[in-house]
Amino acid sequence: MKAINEYAVSIIIASLLAILLETLLPEDSNKKYTGIIIGLFVMLVMLNPLTKLPHFDRTFTIPQVKSDDAITVSASSTFVAESFEEKLAQTISEDIQNTYKTEICCRVRCSTNESGQITGIQSLTIRPYTRDVCRYISEKYGIEEAQITQ
């Protein structure tokens, strides 16, 4: 019963404070924004008892990466790199198809750092390989011609 009384008192105080602030604020174009902020404050006061529910910490918090989860993080980083490689290969293939009216098979390999972030293009393999296509890819995508192989 004491908790309900405290809850009701906190809502009444927050509401009275909100009314007082809205009354004291001058009438201008920013009043609607301050009204939204005050309303959010009152809602936070009303939702405060939810934090005392059991299992609140596990339900409403962002999970932290633990040392046991390192394999999962590594696997997701690998997935991102592989997805990027596939998408870039598809983009280059479609670009060559539209520009040279010829189909090529393209494979991209990226280099990554320890945390799984992509640091650059390691190699690009195209088949059939032509010097013109190699130059075009090098100029358009900024990949060195030495990295483009057949």
N, C-alpha and C. Protein backbone atom coordinates (compact mmCIF):
# COMPACT_ATOMS: atom_id res chain seq x y z
N MET A 1 0.82 -1.19 0.00
CA MET A 1 0.00 0.00 0.00
C MET A 1 0.87 1.25 0.00
N LYS A 2 1.99 1.19 0.72
CA LYS A 2 2.90 2.33 0.78
C LYS A 2 3.47 2.64 -0.60
N ALA A 3 3.78 1.59 -1.38
CA ALA A 3 4.34 1.77 -2.71
C ALA A 3 3.34 2.46 -3.64
N ILE A 4 2.06 2.09 -3.51
CA ILE A 4 1.02 2.71 -4.35
C ILE A 4 0.86 4.18 -3.99
N ASN A 5 0.91 4.48 -2.71
CA ASN A 5 0.81 5.88 -2.27
C ASN A 5 1.98 6.70 -2.82
N GLU A 6 3.20 6.16 -2.72
CA GLU A 6 4.37 6.87 -3.25
C GLU A 6 4.26 7.07 -4.76
N TYR A 7 3.76 6.05 -5.44
CA TYR A 7 3.57 6.14 -6.89
C TYR A 7 2.57 7.24 -7.24
N ALA A 8 1.45 7.28 -6.54
CA ALA A 8 0.43 8.29 -6.80
C ALA A 8 0.96 9.69 -6.50
N VAL A 9 1.70 9.83 -5.41
CA VAL A 9 2.26 11.13 -5.04
C VAL A 9 3.26 11.59 -6.10
N SER A 10 4.10 10.68 -6.60
CA SER A 10 5.08 11.07 -7.62
C SER A 10 4.40 11.50 -8.92
N ILE A 11 3.30 10.84 -9.29
CA ILE A 11 2.57 11.25 -10.51
C ILE A 11 1.92 12.62 -10.29
N ILE A 12 1.35 12.85 -9.13
CA ILE A 12 0.72 14.14 -8.85
C ILE A 12 1.76 15.25 -8.86
N ILE A 13 2.91 15.03 -8.24
CA ILE A 13 3.96 16.05 -8.21
C ILE A 13 4.47 16.33 -9.63
N ALA A 14 4.69 15.28 -10.42
CA ALA A 14 5.17 15.47 -11.79
C ALA A 14 4.13 16.22 -12.63
N SER A 15 2.86 15.89 -12.44
CA SER A 15 1.80 16.58 -13.19
C SER A 15 1.70 18.04 -12.80
N LEU A 16 1.76 18.32 -11.50
CA LEU A 16 1.71 19.72 -11.05
C LEU A 16 2.92 20.50 -11.55
N LEU A 17 4.09 19.88 -11.53
CA LEU A 17 5.29 20.52 -12.05
C LEU A 17 5.16 20.80 -13.55
N ALA A 18 4.56 19.85 -14.28
CA ALA A 18 4.36 20.02 -15.71
C ALA A 18 3.40 21.18 -15.99
N ILE A 19 2.32 21.25 -15.24
CA ILE A 19 1.35 22.33 -15.41
C ILE A 19 2.00 23.68 -15.09
N LEU A 20 2.78 23.72 -14.03
CA LEU A 20 3.46 24.96 -13.64
C LEU A 20 4.44 25.42 -14.73
N LEU A 21 5.22 24.48 -15.25
CA LEU A 21 6.18 24.83 -16.31
C LEU A 21 5.48 25.31 -17.58
N GLU A 22 4.40 24.64 -17.96
CA GLU A 22 3.68 25.06 -19.16
C GLU A 22 3.03 26.43 -18.98
N THR A 23 2.62 26.73 -17.77
CA THR A 23 2.02 28.04 -17.50
C THR A 23 3.07 29.14 -17.53
N LEU A 24 4.26 28.85 -17.01
CA LEU A 24 5.32 29.87 -16.94
C LEU A 24 6.00 30.12 -18.28
N LEU A 25 5.96 29.16 -19.17
CA LEU A 25 6.65 29.34 -20.45
C LEU A 25 5.90 30.35 -21.32
N PRO A 26 6.64 31.20 -22.02
CA PRO A 26 5.97 32.18 -22.89
C PRO A 26 5.36 31.49 -24.12
N GLU A 27 4.36 32.16 -24.68
CA GLU A 27 3.71 31.64 -25.88
C GLU A 27 4.61 31.93 -27.09
N ASP A 28 5.24 30.93 -27.63
CA ASP A 28 6.04 31.10 -28.84
C ASP A 28 6.04 29.79 -29.62
N SER A 29 6.82 29.76 -30.68
CA SER A 29 6.81 28.58 -31.55
C SER A 29 7.46 27.36 -30.91
N ASN A 30 8.26 27.57 -29.87
CA ASN A 30 8.92 26.44 -29.21
C ASN A 30 8.08 25.81 -28.11
N LYS A 31 6.93 26.37 -27.79
CA LYS A 31 6.12 25.86 -26.70
C LYS A 31 5.64 24.44 -26.96
N LYS A 32 5.33 24.11 -28.21
CA LYS A 32 4.86 22.76 -28.50
C LYS A 32 5.96 21.73 -28.25
N TYR A 33 7.22 22.11 -28.52
CA TYR A 33 8.32 21.18 -28.29
C TYR A 33 8.58 21.00 -26.80
N THR A 34 8.51 22.07 -26.06
CA THR A 34 8.70 21.94 -24.62
C THR A 34 7.54 21.15 -24.00
N GLY A 35 6.35 21.29 -24.57
CA GLY A 35 5.21 20.50 -24.11
C GLY A 35 5.43 19.01 -24.32
N ILE A 36 6.07 18.67 -25.43
CA ILE A 36 6.38 17.27 -25.70
C ILE A 36 7.40 16.75 -24.69
N ILE A 37 8.41 17.55 -24.40
CA ILE A 37 9.44 17.15 -23.43
C ILE A 37 8.82 16.97 -22.04
N ILE A 38 7.97 17.88 -21.66
CA ILE A 38 7.31 17.78 -20.35
C ILE A 38 6.42 16.54 -20.31
N GLY A 39 5.71 16.27 -21.39
CA GLY A 39 4.88 15.07 -21.45
C GLY A 39 5.69 13.79 -21.34
N LEU A 40 6.86 13.77 -21.98
CA LEU A 40 7.74 12.61 -21.87
C LEU A 40 8.23 12.43 -20.44
N PHE A 41 8.51 13.53 -19.77
CA PHE A 41 8.93 13.47 -18.37
C PHE A 41 7.83 12.85 -17.50
N VAL A 42 6.61 13.27 -17.70
CA VAL A 42 5.49 12.72 -16.93
C VAL A 42 5.32 11.24 -17.24
N MET A 43 5.47 10.86 -18.50
CA MET A 43 5.37 9.44 -18.86
C MET A 43 6.47 8.62 -18.20
N LEU A 44 7.67 9.16 -18.13
CA LEU A 44 8.76 8.45 -17.45
C LEU A 44 8.45 8.24 -15.98
N VAL A 45 7.88 9.25 -15.35
CA VAL A 45 7.50 9.11 -13.95
C VAL A 45 6.43 8.02 -13.80
N MET A 46 5.50 7.97 -14.74
CA MET A 46 4.44 6.96 -14.68
C MET A 46 4.98 5.55 -14.93
N LEU A 47 6.00 5.43 -15.78
CA LEU A 47 6.55 4.11 -16.11
C LEU A 47 7.64 3.66 -15.14
N ASN A 48 8.03 4.52 -14.22
CA ASN A 48 9.11 4.21 -13.28
C ASN A 48 8.88 2.90 -12.50
N PRO A 49 7.68 2.57 -12.07
CA PRO A 49 7.49 1.31 -11.33
C PRO A 49 7.85 0.07 -12.14
N LEU A 50 7.86 0.16 -13.45
CA LEU A 50 8.25 -1.00 -14.27
C LEU A 50 9.69 -1.42 -14.01
N THR A 51 10.52 -0.48 -13.59
CA THR A 51 11.92 -0.83 -13.33
C THR A 51 12.08 -1.70 -12.11
N LYS A 52 11.07 -1.76 -11.28
CA LYS A 52 11.14 -2.58 -10.07
C LYS A 52 10.60 -3.99 -10.29
N LEU A 53 10.12 -4.29 -11.50
CA LEU A 53 9.62 -5.62 -11.80
C LEU A 53 10.77 -6.62 -11.83
N PRO A 54 10.49 -7.88 -11.47
CA PRO A 54 11.56 -8.88 -11.54
C PRO A 54 12.00 -9.10 -12.99
N HIS A 55 13.23 -9.40 -13.18
CA HIS A 55 13.84 -9.67 -14.49
C HIS A 55 13.88 -8.44 -15.39
N PHE A 56 13.72 -7.24 -14.83
CA PHE A 56 13.76 -6.03 -15.65
C PHE A 56 15.13 -5.87 -16.31
N ASP A 57 16.20 -6.14 -15.58
CA ASP A 57 17.55 -5.96 -16.12
C ASP A 57 17.79 -6.85 -17.32
N ARG A 58 17.32 -8.08 -17.27
CA ARG A 58 17.56 -8.99 -18.39
C ARG A 58 16.65 -8.69 -19.57
N THR A 59 15.47 -8.17 -19.33
CA THR A 59 14.51 -7.94 -20.39
C THR A 59 14.79 -6.67 -21.18
N PHE A 60 15.19 -5.59 -20.50
CA PHE A 60 15.28 -4.30 -21.14
C PHE A 60 16.70 -3.77 -21.31
N THR A 61 17.70 -4.61 -21.25
CA THR A 61 19.06 -4.13 -21.42
C THR A 61 19.66 -4.70 -22.69
N ILE A 62 20.66 -4.01 -23.21
CA ILE A 62 21.36 -4.47 -24.41
C ILE A 62 22.37 -5.53 -23.99
N PRO A 63 22.38 -6.67 -24.66
CA PRO A 63 23.31 -7.72 -24.26
C PRO A 63 24.76 -7.30 -24.49
N GLN A 64 25.61 -7.67 -23.56
CA GLN A 64 27.03 -7.35 -23.64
C GLN A 64 27.77 -8.54 -24.25
N VAL A 65 28.82 -8.28 -25.00
CA VAL A 65 29.63 -9.34 -25.58
C VAL A 65 30.58 -9.85 -24.53
N LYS A 66 30.54 -11.14 -24.27
CA LYS A 66 31.42 -11.76 -23.30
C LYS A 66 32.51 -12.50 -24.05
N SER A 67 33.52 -12.94 -23.32
CA SER A 67 34.62 -13.66 -23.97
C SER A 67 34.12 -14.96 -24.60
N ASP A 68 33.06 -15.57 -24.06
CA ASP A 68 32.51 -16.78 -24.64
C ASP A 68 31.83 -16.51 -25.98
N ASP A 69 31.40 -15.25 -26.19
CA ASP A 69 30.70 -14.89 -27.41
C ASP A 69 31.65 -14.49 -28.53
N ALA A 70 32.96 -14.60 -28.34
CA ALA A 70 33.93 -14.17 -29.35
C ALA A 70 33.76 -14.95 -30.64
N ILE A 71 33.40 -16.22 -30.55
CA ILE A 71 33.20 -17.03 -31.75
C ILE A 71 32.02 -16.50 -32.54
N THR A 72 30.94 -16.12 -31.85
CA THR A 72 29.76 -15.58 -32.52
C THR A 72 30.09 -14.27 -33.21
N VAL A 73 30.83 -13.37 -32.54
CA VAL A 73 31.20 -12.09 -33.14
C VAL A 73 32.06 -12.32 -34.37
N SER A 74 33.01 -13.24 -34.28
CA SER A 74 33.88 -13.54 -35.41
C SER A 74 33.07 -14.10 -36.58
N ALA A 75 32.11 -14.96 -36.29
CA ALA A 75 31.29 -15.54 -37.35
C ALA A 75 30.44 -14.47 -38.02
N SER A 76 29.88 -13.53 -37.25
CA SER A 76 29.06 -12.49 -37.86
C SER A 76 29.92 -11.53 -38.68
N SER A 77 31.16 -11.26 -38.23
CA SER A 77 32.07 -10.40 -38.99
C SER A 77 32.44 -11.07 -40.31
N THR A 78 32.67 -12.38 -40.27
CA THR A 78 32.98 -13.12 -41.48
C THR A 78 31.80 -13.07 -42.44
N PHE A 79 30.59 -13.18 -41.91
CA PHE A 79 29.40 -13.12 -42.74
C PHE A 79 29.28 -11.77 -43.44
N VAL A 80 29.58 -10.70 -42.72
CA VAL A 80 29.51 -9.35 -43.30
C VAL A 80 30.52 -9.22 -44.43
N ALA A 81 31.75 -9.70 -44.21
CA ALA A 81 32.78 -9.62 -45.24
C ALA A 81 32.38 -10.44 -46.47
N GLU A 82 31.86 -11.64 -46.25
CA GLU A 82 31.45 -12.48 -47.38
C GLU A 82 30.29 -11.84 -48.14
N SER A 83 29.35 -11.25 -47.43
CA SER A 83 28.22 -10.58 -48.08
C SER A 83 28.71 -9.41 -48.93
N PHE A 84 29.67 -8.64 -48.38
CA PHE A 84 30.23 -7.52 -49.13
C PHE A 84 30.93 -8.02 -50.38
N GLU A 85 31.70 -9.09 -50.26
CA GLU A 85 32.42 -9.65 -51.42
C GLU A 85 31.44 -10.08 -52.50
N GLU A 86 30.36 -10.77 -52.12
CA GLU A 86 29.37 -11.22 -53.09
C GLU A 86 28.67 -10.04 -53.76
N LYS A 87 28.31 -9.04 -52.98
CA LYS A 87 27.60 -7.88 -53.54
C LYS A 87 28.49 -7.09 -54.49
N LEU A 88 29.76 -6.90 -54.12
CA LEU A 88 30.69 -6.18 -54.99
C LEU A 88 30.93 -6.96 -56.27
N ALA A 89 31.09 -8.27 -56.18
CA ALA A 89 31.29 -9.10 -57.37
C ALA A 89 30.07 -9.01 -58.30
N GLN A 90 28.89 -9.04 -57.72
CA GLN A 90 27.67 -8.93 -58.52
C GLN A 90 27.57 -7.56 -59.18
N THR A 91 27.90 -6.50 -58.45
CA THR A 91 27.85 -5.14 -59.00
C THR A 91 28.83 -4.99 -60.16
N ILE A 92 30.04 -5.49 -59.99
CA ILE A 92 31.05 -5.40 -61.06
C ILE A 92 30.60 -6.20 -62.27
N SER A 93 30.08 -7.40 -62.06
CA SER A 93 29.61 -8.24 -63.18
C SER A 93 28.50 -7.55 -63.96
N GLU A 94 27.54 -6.97 -63.25
CA GLU A 94 26.45 -6.26 -63.92
C GLU A 94 26.95 -5.03 -64.66
N ASP A 95 27.91 -4.32 -64.07
CA ASP A 95 28.48 -3.14 -64.71
C ASP A 95 29.19 -3.51 -66.01
N ILE A 96 29.98 -4.57 -65.98
CA ILE A 96 30.68 -5.03 -67.19
C ILE A 96 29.68 -5.51 -68.23
N GLN A 97 28.63 -6.19 -67.78
CA GLN A 97 27.57 -6.65 -68.70
C GLN A 97 26.94 -5.46 -69.42
N ASN A 98 26.64 -4.40 -68.69
CA ASN A 98 26.01 -3.22 -69.28
C ASN A 98 26.97 -2.42 -70.15
N THR A 99 28.24 -2.36 -69.76
CA THR A 99 29.21 -1.53 -70.48
C THR A 99 29.77 -2.23 -71.71
N TYR A 100 30.19 -3.49 -71.55
CA TYR A 100 30.86 -4.21 -72.64
C TYR A 100 29.97 -5.25 -73.32
N LYS A 101 28.75 -5.40 -72.86
CA LYS A 101 27.81 -6.37 -73.43
C LYS A 101 28.40 -7.78 -73.46
N THR A 102 29.14 -8.12 -72.43
CA THR A 102 29.71 -9.44 -72.30
C THR A 102 29.59 -9.89 -70.84
N GLU A 103 29.36 -11.17 -70.65
CA GLU A 103 29.23 -11.69 -69.30
C GLU A 103 30.59 -12.12 -68.78
N ILE A 104 30.82 -11.80 -67.51
CA ILE A 104 32.06 -12.24 -66.87
C ILE A 104 31.71 -12.91 -65.55
N CYS A 105 32.61 -13.73 -65.11
CA CYS A 105 32.50 -14.33 -63.79
C CYS A 105 33.47 -13.56 -62.89
N CYS A 106 32.97 -13.04 -61.80
CA CYS A 106 33.78 -12.18 -60.94
C CYS A 106 33.80 -12.74 -59.53
N ARG A 107 34.99 -12.72 -58.92
CA ARG A 107 35.14 -13.16 -57.53
C ARG A 107 36.02 -12.16 -56.79
N VAL A 108 35.55 -11.70 -55.64
CA VAL A 108 36.25 -10.68 -54.86
C VAL A 108 36.68 -11.29 -53.53
N ARG A 109 37.89 -10.95 -53.11
CA ARG A 109 38.40 -11.34 -51.79
C ARG A 109 38.83 -10.08 -51.05
N CYS A 110 38.29 -9.89 -49.85
CA CYS A 110 38.61 -8.71 -49.03
C CYS A 110 39.60 -9.09 -47.95
N SER A 111 40.34 -8.10 -47.51
CA SER A 111 41.19 -8.29 -46.34
C SER A 111 40.48 -7.65 -45.15
N THR A 112 40.58 -8.31 -43.99
CA THR A 112 39.93 -7.82 -42.78
C THR A 112 40.94 -7.72 -41.65
N ASN A 113 40.62 -6.91 -40.66
CA ASN A 113 41.48 -6.79 -39.48
C ASN A 113 41.01 -7.76 -38.39
N GLU A 114 41.61 -7.69 -37.20
CA GLU A 114 41.30 -8.62 -36.12
C GLU A 114 39.85 -8.54 -35.67
N SER A 115 39.25 -7.35 -35.75
CA SER A 115 37.87 -7.20 -35.30
C SER A 115 36.86 -7.49 -36.40
N GLY A 116 37.35 -7.93 -37.56
CA GLY A 116 36.45 -8.32 -38.64
C GLY A 116 36.04 -7.20 -39.57
N GLN A 117 36.61 -6.02 -39.41
CA GLN A 117 36.28 -4.90 -40.29
C GLN A 117 37.02 -5.05 -41.61
N ILE A 118 36.36 -4.71 -42.69
CA ILE A 118 36.96 -4.80 -44.02
C ILE A 118 37.96 -3.66 -44.17
N THR A 119 39.20 -4.03 -44.53
CA THR A 119 40.25 -3.01 -44.66
C THR A 119 40.62 -2.74 -46.11
N GLY A 120 40.21 -3.58 -47.02
CA GLY A 120 40.52 -3.34 -48.42
C GLY A 120 40.24 -4.57 -49.27
N ILE A 121 40.50 -4.41 -50.56
CA ILE A 121 40.33 -5.51 -51.51
C ILE A 121 41.67 -6.24 -51.62
N GLN A 122 41.63 -7.53 -51.37
CA GLN A 122 42.84 -8.34 -51.47
C GLN A 122 43.09 -8.78 -52.91
N SER A 123 42.04 -9.29 -53.57
CA SER A 123 42.18 -9.71 -54.96
C SER A 123 40.82 -9.70 -55.64
N LEU A 124 40.87 -9.62 -56.96
CA LEU A 124 39.67 -9.64 -57.79
C LEU A 124 39.98 -10.55 -58.96
N THR A 125 39.18 -11.59 -59.12
CA THR A 125 39.38 -12.54 -60.22
C THR A 125 38.23 -12.39 -61.19
N ILE A 126 38.56 -12.22 -62.49
CA ILE A 126 37.54 -12.12 -63.52
C ILE A 126 37.84 -13.12 -64.63
N ARG A 127 36.79 -13.70 -65.17
CA ARG A 127 36.92 -14.61 -66.31
C ARG A 127 35.79 -14.34 -67.26
N PRO A 128 35.98 -14.19 -68.50
CA PRO A 128 37.25 -14.11 -69.21
C PRO A 128 37.94 -12.78 -68.93
N TYR A 129 39.25 -12.84 -68.87
CA TYR A 129 40.07 -11.69 -68.54
C TYR A 129 40.46 -10.96 -69.82
N THR A 130 40.21 -9.65 -69.86
CA THR A 130 40.70 -8.80 -70.96
C THR A 130 41.33 -7.57 -70.35
N ARG A 131 42.28 -7.03 -71.05
CA ARG A 131 43.01 -5.86 -70.56
C ARG A 131 42.08 -4.65 -70.44
N ASP A 132 41.16 -4.48 -71.39
CA ASP A 132 40.23 -3.35 -71.35
C ASP A 132 39.32 -3.41 -70.11
N VAL A 133 38.80 -4.59 -69.83
CA VAL A 133 37.93 -4.75 -68.67
C VAL A 133 38.73 -4.50 -67.39
N CYS A 134 39.96 -4.99 -67.36
CA CYS A 134 40.84 -4.79 -66.20
C CYS A 134 41.07 -3.30 -65.95
N ARG A 135 41.36 -2.55 -66.98
CA ARG A 135 41.58 -1.10 -66.85
C ARG A 135 40.30 -0.40 -66.40
N TYR A 136 39.19 -0.80 -66.99
CA TYR A 136 37.90 -0.20 -66.64
C TYR A 136 37.60 -0.40 -65.15
N ILE A 137 37.75 -1.62 -64.66
CA ILE A 137 37.50 -1.90 -63.24
C ILE A 137 38.46 -1.12 -62.36
N SER A 138 39.71 -1.06 -62.76
CA SER A 138 40.71 -0.34 -61.98
C SER A 138 40.36 1.14 -61.87
N GLU A 139 39.96 1.75 -62.98
CA GLU A 139 39.63 3.18 -62.97
C GLU A 139 38.33 3.46 -62.22
N LYS A 140 37.32 2.65 -62.46
CA LYS A 140 36.01 2.93 -61.88
C LYS A 140 35.93 2.58 -60.40
N TYR A 141 36.54 1.49 -59.99
CA TYR A 141 36.39 1.02 -58.62
C TYR A 141 37.62 1.26 -57.75
N GLY A 142 38.70 1.80 -58.32
CA GLY A 142 39.89 2.12 -57.55
C GLY A 142 40.68 0.91 -57.08
N ILE A 143 40.58 -0.17 -57.83
CA ILE A 143 41.33 -1.39 -57.50
C ILE A 143 42.55 -1.42 -58.41
N GLU A 144 43.72 -1.66 -57.85
CA GLU A 144 44.95 -1.69 -58.64
C GLU A 144 44.89 -2.83 -59.65
N GLU A 145 45.45 -2.57 -60.83
CA GLU A 145 45.42 -3.59 -61.89
C GLU A 145 46.18 -4.85 -61.46
N ALA A 146 47.17 -4.71 -60.61
CA ALA A 146 47.94 -5.88 -60.15
C ALA A 146 47.07 -6.80 -59.29
N GLN A 147 46.02 -6.29 -58.67
CA GLN A 147 45.13 -7.10 -57.86
C GLN A 147 44.09 -7.84 -58.69
N ILE A 148 43.92 -7.45 -59.93
CA ILE A 148 42.93 -8.07 -60.80
C ILE A 148 43.59 -9.19 -61.59
N THR A 149 43.13 -10.41 -61.38
CA THR A 149 43.75 -11.58 -62.04
C THR A 149 42.68 -12.36 -62.80
N GLN A 150 43.18 -13.37 -63.53
CA GLN A 150 42.26 -14.23 -64.27
C GLN A 150 42.13 -15.59 -63.66
